[in-house]
Amino acid sequence: MQHLKAPSLPPGRAEVAVLWQALAAGTVTREAVHGWAAPWVESDEASGSVSPLVLTALQHLHGFDLCRDPSSPSILWHGMTGEGQWTHSRDDITVGFARWLRACDLHDADPQGWSKAIREQARAGARPEDARPEQA
């Protein structure tokens, strides 16, 4: 299995993009990408030092190694090649990368508008019983 050394400083968009492209091209394994992203996704302290767009990308990279048991489809785990069925196809990885790049472009064009749109999407996705009144 390939091993990638996780960066000691928070990764930036360029690092994430290079790794995501390598995964989509098949030049790096899902397991290696998971290991690279894990310190930033699995640590509350580390994830707080990463920009929201980079953290989103890291969460995707961390999860592209999820496997499903063919006889028990509701069981998922972080796996290795040959251990089960990948929950994300190579096309999912490629489409996810394009979607993330579009989000980056939208953010760069209008950071405040992007943040507002994300908050509105989150509110729209919240269940009514979870909604809290706005603070005055």
C-alpha atoms as a PDB file:
ATOM      1  CA  MET A   1       0.000   0.000   0.000  1.00  0.00           C
ATOM      2  CA  GLN A   2       1.174   3.503  -0.740  1.00  0.00           C
ATOM      3  CA  HIS A   3       1.785   5.843   2.129  1.00  0.00           C
ATOM      4  CA  LEU A   4       1.582   9.603   1.848  1.00  0.00           C
ATOM      5  CA  LYS A   5       3.048  11.778   4.541  1.00  0.00           C
ATOM      6  CA  ALA A   6       0.370  14.068   5.971  1.00  0.00           C
ATOM      7  CA  PRO A   7       1.483  17.687   5.874  1.00  0.00           C
ATOM      8  CA  SER A   8       2.536  19.159   9.205  1.00  0.00           C
ATOM      9  CA  LEU A   9       0.891  22.463   8.302  1.00  0.00           C
ATOM     10  CA  PRO A  10      -2.721  22.688   7.156  1.00  0.00           C
ATOM     11  CA  PRO A  11      -2.919  21.770   3.479  1.00  0.00           C
ATOM     12  CA  GLY A  12      -4.107  24.339   0.999  1.00  0.00           C
ATOM     13  CA  ARG A  13      -6.370  24.085  -2.006  1.00  0.00           C
ATOM     14  CA  ALA A  14      -3.487  23.371  -4.377  1.00  0.00           C
ATOM     15  CA  GLU A  15      -2.269  20.375  -2.349  1.00  0.00           C
ATOM     16  CA  VAL A  16      -5.776  19.008  -2.024  1.00  0.00           C
ATOM     17  CA  ALA A  17      -6.462  19.476  -5.744  1.00  0.00           C
ATOM     18  CA  VAL A  18      -3.275  17.662  -6.784  1.00  0.00           C
ATOM     19  CA  LEU A  19      -4.083  14.725  -4.535  1.00  0.00           C
ATOM     20  CA  TRP A  20      -7.750  14.590  -5.610  1.00  0.00           C
ATOM     21  CA  GLN A  21      -6.676  14.598  -9.272  1.00  0.00           C
ATOM     22  CA  ALA A  22      -4.168  11.813  -8.594  1.00  0.00           C
ATOM     23  CA  LEU A  23      -6.889   9.747  -6.933  1.00  0.00           C
ATOM     24  CA  ALA A  24      -9.261  10.305  -9.856  1.00  0.00           C
ATOM     25  CA  ALA A  25      -6.493   9.271 -12.264  1.00  0.00           C
ATOM     26  CA  GLY A  26      -5.699   6.169 -10.228  1.00  0.00           C
ATOM     27  CA  THR A  27      -2.082   7.140  -9.551  1.00  0.00           C
ATOM     28  CA  VAL A  28      -2.621   7.097  -5.790  1.00  0.00           C
ATOM     29  CA  THR A  29      -4.757   4.682  -3.781  1.00  0.00           C
ATOM     30  CA  ARG A  30      -7.886   5.466  -1.832  1.00  0.00           C
ATOM     31  CA  GLU A  31      -6.222   4.080   1.277  1.00  0.00           C
ATOM     32  CA  ALA A  32      -3.222   6.401   0.909  1.00  0.00           C
ATOM     33  CA  VAL A  33      -5.448   9.443   0.404  1.00  0.00           C
ATOM     34  CA  HIS A  34      -7.525   8.471   3.433  1.00  0.00           C
ATOM     35  CA  GLY A  35      -4.388   8.251   5.564  1.00  0.00           C
ATOM     36  CA  TRP A  36      -3.135  11.605   4.290  1.00  0.00           C
ATOM     37  CA  ALA A  37      -6.423  13.352   5.098  1.00  0.00           C
ATOM     38  CA  ALA A  38      -7.108  11.573   8.407  1.00  0.00           C
ATOM     39  CA  PRO A  39      -5.084  13.853  10.727  1.00  0.00           C
ATOM     40  CA  TRP A  40      -7.045  16.880   9.491  1.00  0.00           C
ATOM     41  CA  VAL A  41     -10.465  15.242   9.497  1.00  0.00           C
ATOM     42  CA  GLU A  42     -10.258  13.169  12.655  1.00  0.00           C
ATOM     43  CA  SER A  43      -8.845  15.865  14.957  1.00  0.00           C
ATOM     44  CA  ASP A  44     -11.082  18.673  16.181  1.00  0.00           C
ATOM     45  CA  GLU A  45      -8.071  20.894  16.773  1.00  0.00           C
ATOM     46  CA  ALA A  46      -6.525  20.278  13.361  1.00  0.00           C
ATOM     47  CA  SER A  47      -9.777  20.657  11.422  1.00  0.00           C
ATOM     48  CA  GLY A  48     -10.363  24.044  13.078  1.00  0.00           C
ATOM     49  CA  SER A  49      -7.184  25.370  11.475  1.00  0.00           C
ATOM     50  CA  VAL A  50      -8.258  24.497   7.927  1.00  0.00           C
ATOM     51  CA  SER A  51     -10.388  26.699   5.676  1.00  0.00           C
ATOM     52  CA  PRO A  52     -13.961  25.446   5.158  1.00  0.00           C
ATOM     53  CA  LEU A  53     -13.436  24.644   1.464  1.00  0.00           C
ATOM     54  CA  VAL A  54     -10.251  22.706   2.171  1.00  0.00           C
ATOM     55  CA  LEU A  55     -11.898  20.892   5.077  1.00  0.00           C
ATOM     56  CA  THR A  56     -14.767  19.870   2.793  1.00  0.00           C
ATOM     57  CA  ALA A  57     -12.279  18.478   0.286  1.00  0.00           C
ATOM     58  CA  LEU A  58     -10.382  16.654   3.030  1.00  0.00           C
ATOM     59  CA  GLN A  59     -13.620  15.076   4.263  1.00  0.00           C
ATOM     60  CA  HIS A  60     -14.315  13.790   0.762  1.00  0.00           C
ATOM     61  CA  LEU A  61     -10.779  12.429   0.380  1.00  0.00           C
ATOM     62  CA  HIS A  62     -11.041  10.795   3.798  1.00  0.00           C
ATOM     63  CA  GLY A  63     -14.265   9.024   2.801  1.00  0.00           C
ATOM     64  CA  PHE A  64     -13.469   7.793  -0.696  1.00  0.00           C
ATOM     65  CA  ASP A  65     -12.181   4.541   0.818  1.00  0.00           C
ATOM     66  CA  LEU A  66     -15.555   3.618   2.329  1.00  0.00           C
ATOM     67  CA  CYS A  67     -16.549   0.026   1.546  1.00  0.00           C
ATOM     68  CA  ARG A  68     -19.864  -1.767   1.742  1.00  0.00           C
ATOM     69  CA  ASP A  69     -20.420  -5.416   2.584  1.00  0.00           C
ATOM     70  CA  PRO A  70     -22.293  -6.897  -0.421  1.00  0.00           C
ATOM     71  CA  SER A  71     -24.267  -9.229   1.851  1.00  0.00           C
ATOM     72  CA  SER A  72     -25.090  -6.453   4.365  1.00  0.00           C
ATOM     73  CA  PRO A  73     -25.327  -3.185   2.393  1.00  0.00           C
ATOM     74  CA  SER A  74     -25.979  -1.086   5.493  1.00  0.00           C
ATOM     75  CA  ILE A  75     -22.531  -1.908   6.897  1.00  0.00           C
ATOM     76  CA  LEU A  76     -19.801   0.558   5.902  1.00  0.00           C
ATOM     77  CA  TRP A  77     -16.152   0.801   6.895  1.00  0.00           C
ATOM     78  CA  HIS A  78     -12.921   2.450   5.816  1.00  0.00           C
ATOM     79  CA  GLY A  79     -11.465  -0.358   3.784  1.00  0.00           C
ATOM     80  CA  MET A  80      -8.836  -1.577   1.431  1.00  0.00           C
ATOM     81  CA  THR A  81      -8.933  -2.818  -2.125  1.00  0.00           C
ATOM     82  CA  GLY A  82     -10.658  -6.193  -2.255  1.00  0.00           C
ATOM     83  CA  GLU A  83     -12.395  -5.942   1.126  1.00  0.00           C
ATOM     84  CA  GLY A  84     -15.828  -4.973  -0.146  1.00  0.00           C
ATOM     85  CA  GLN A  85     -17.568  -2.774  -2.683  1.00  0.00           C
ATOM     86  CA  TRP A  86     -16.472   0.847  -2.841  1.00  0.00           C
ATOM     87  CA  THR A  87     -19.341   3.183  -2.019  1.00  0.00           C
ATOM     88  CA  HIS A  88     -17.861   5.820  -4.351  1.00  0.00           C
ATOM     89  CA  SER A  89     -17.084   4.997  -7.972  1.00  0.00           C
ATOM     90  CA  ARG A  90     -14.206   6.556  -9.888  1.00  0.00           C
ATOM     91  CA  ASP A  91     -16.853   8.722 -11.604  1.00  0.00           C
ATOM     92  CA  ASP A  92     -18.107   9.870  -8.183  1.00  0.00           C
ATOM     93  CA  ILE A  93     -14.559  10.944  -7.339  1.00  0.00           C
ATOM     94  CA  THR A  94     -14.202  12.867 -10.604  1.00  0.00           C
ATOM     95  CA  VAL A  95     -17.639  14.504 -10.340  1.00  0.00           C
ATOM     96  CA  GLY A  96     -16.976  15.409  -6.708  1.00  0.00           C
ATOM     97  CA  PHE A  97     -13.729  17.092  -7.693  1.00  0.00           C
ATOM     98  CA  ALA A  98     -15.465  19.154 -10.396  1.00  0.00           C
ATOM     99  CA  ARG A  99     -18.194  20.144  -7.912  1.00  0.00           C
ATOM    100  CA  TRP A 100     -15.568  21.206  -5.359  1.00  0.00           C
ATOM    101  CA  LEU A 101     -13.725  23.276  -7.974  1.00  0.00           C
ATOM    102  CA  ARG A 102     -17.005  25.043  -8.859  1.00  0.00           C
ATOM    103  CA  ALA A 103     -17.582  25.799  -5.168  1.00  0.00           C
ATOM    104  CA  CYS A 104     -14.075  27.257  -4.961  1.00  0.00           C
ATOM    105  CA  ASP A 105     -14.747  29.448  -8.008  1.00  0.00           C
ATOM    106  CA  LEU A 106     -18.073  30.646  -6.577  1.00  0.00           C
ATOM    107  CA  HIS A 107     -16.407  31.422  -3.246  1.00  0.00           C
ATOM    108  CA  ASP A 108     -13.599  33.349  -4.913  1.00  0.00           C
ATOM    109  CA  ALA A 109     -16.024  35.374  -7.034  1.00  0.00           C
ATOM    110  CA  ASP A 110     -18.147  36.400  -4.028  1.00  0.00           C
ATOM    111  CA  PRO A 111     -16.976  35.106  -0.615  1.00  0.00           C
ATOM    112  CA  GLN A 112     -19.795  36.787   1.331  1.00  0.00           C
ATOM    113  CA  GLY A 113     -22.459  35.653  -1.120  1.00  0.00           C
ATOM    114  CA  TRP A 114     -21.062  32.125  -1.070  1.00  0.00           C
ATOM    115  CA  SER A 115     -21.112  32.023   2.738  1.00  0.00           C
ATOM    116  CA  LYS A 116     -24.685  33.311   2.799  1.00  0.00           C
ATOM    117  CA  ALA A 117     -25.791  30.720   0.228  1.00  0.00           C
ATOM    118  CA  ILE A 118     -24.170  27.906   2.223  1.00  0.00           C
ATOM    119  CA  ARG A 119     -25.906  29.032   5.410  1.00  0.00           C
ATOM    120  CA  GLU A 120     -29.244  29.178   3.584  1.00  0.00           C
ATOM    121  CA  GLN A 121     -28.714  25.679   2.176  1.00  0.00           C
ATOM    122  CA  ALA A 122     -27.920  24.395   5.648  1.00  0.00           C
ATOM    123  CA  ARG A 123     -31.049  26.006   7.085  1.00  0.00           C
ATOM    124  CA  ALA A 124     -33.190  24.606   4.278  1.00  0.00           C
ATOM    125  CA  GLY A 125     -31.830  21.126   4.978  1.00  0.00           C
ATOM    126  CA  ALA A 126     -32.477  21.311   8.714  1.00  0.00           C
ATOM    127  CA  ARG A 127     -35.492  19.478  10.009  1.00  0.00           C
ATOM    128  CA  PRO A 128     -38.160  21.824  11.430  1.00  0.00           C
ATOM    129  CA  GLU A 129     -37.891  20.233  14.871  1.00  0.00           C
ATOM    130  CA  ASP A 130     -34.166  21.070  14.904  1.00  0.00           C
ATOM    131  CA  ALA A 131     -34.610  24.701  13.933  1.00  0.00           C
ATOM    132  CA  ARG A 132     -33.927  27.339  16.543  1.00  0.00           C
ATOM    133  CA  PRO A 133     -35.299  30.856  16.401  1.00  0.00           C
ATOM    134  CA  GLU A 134     -32.877  33.533  15.215  1.00  0.00           C
ATOM    135  CA  GLN A 135     -31.170  35.395  18.025  1.00  0.00           C
ATOM    136  CA  ALA A 136     -32.090  39.076  18.200  1.00  0.00           C
END
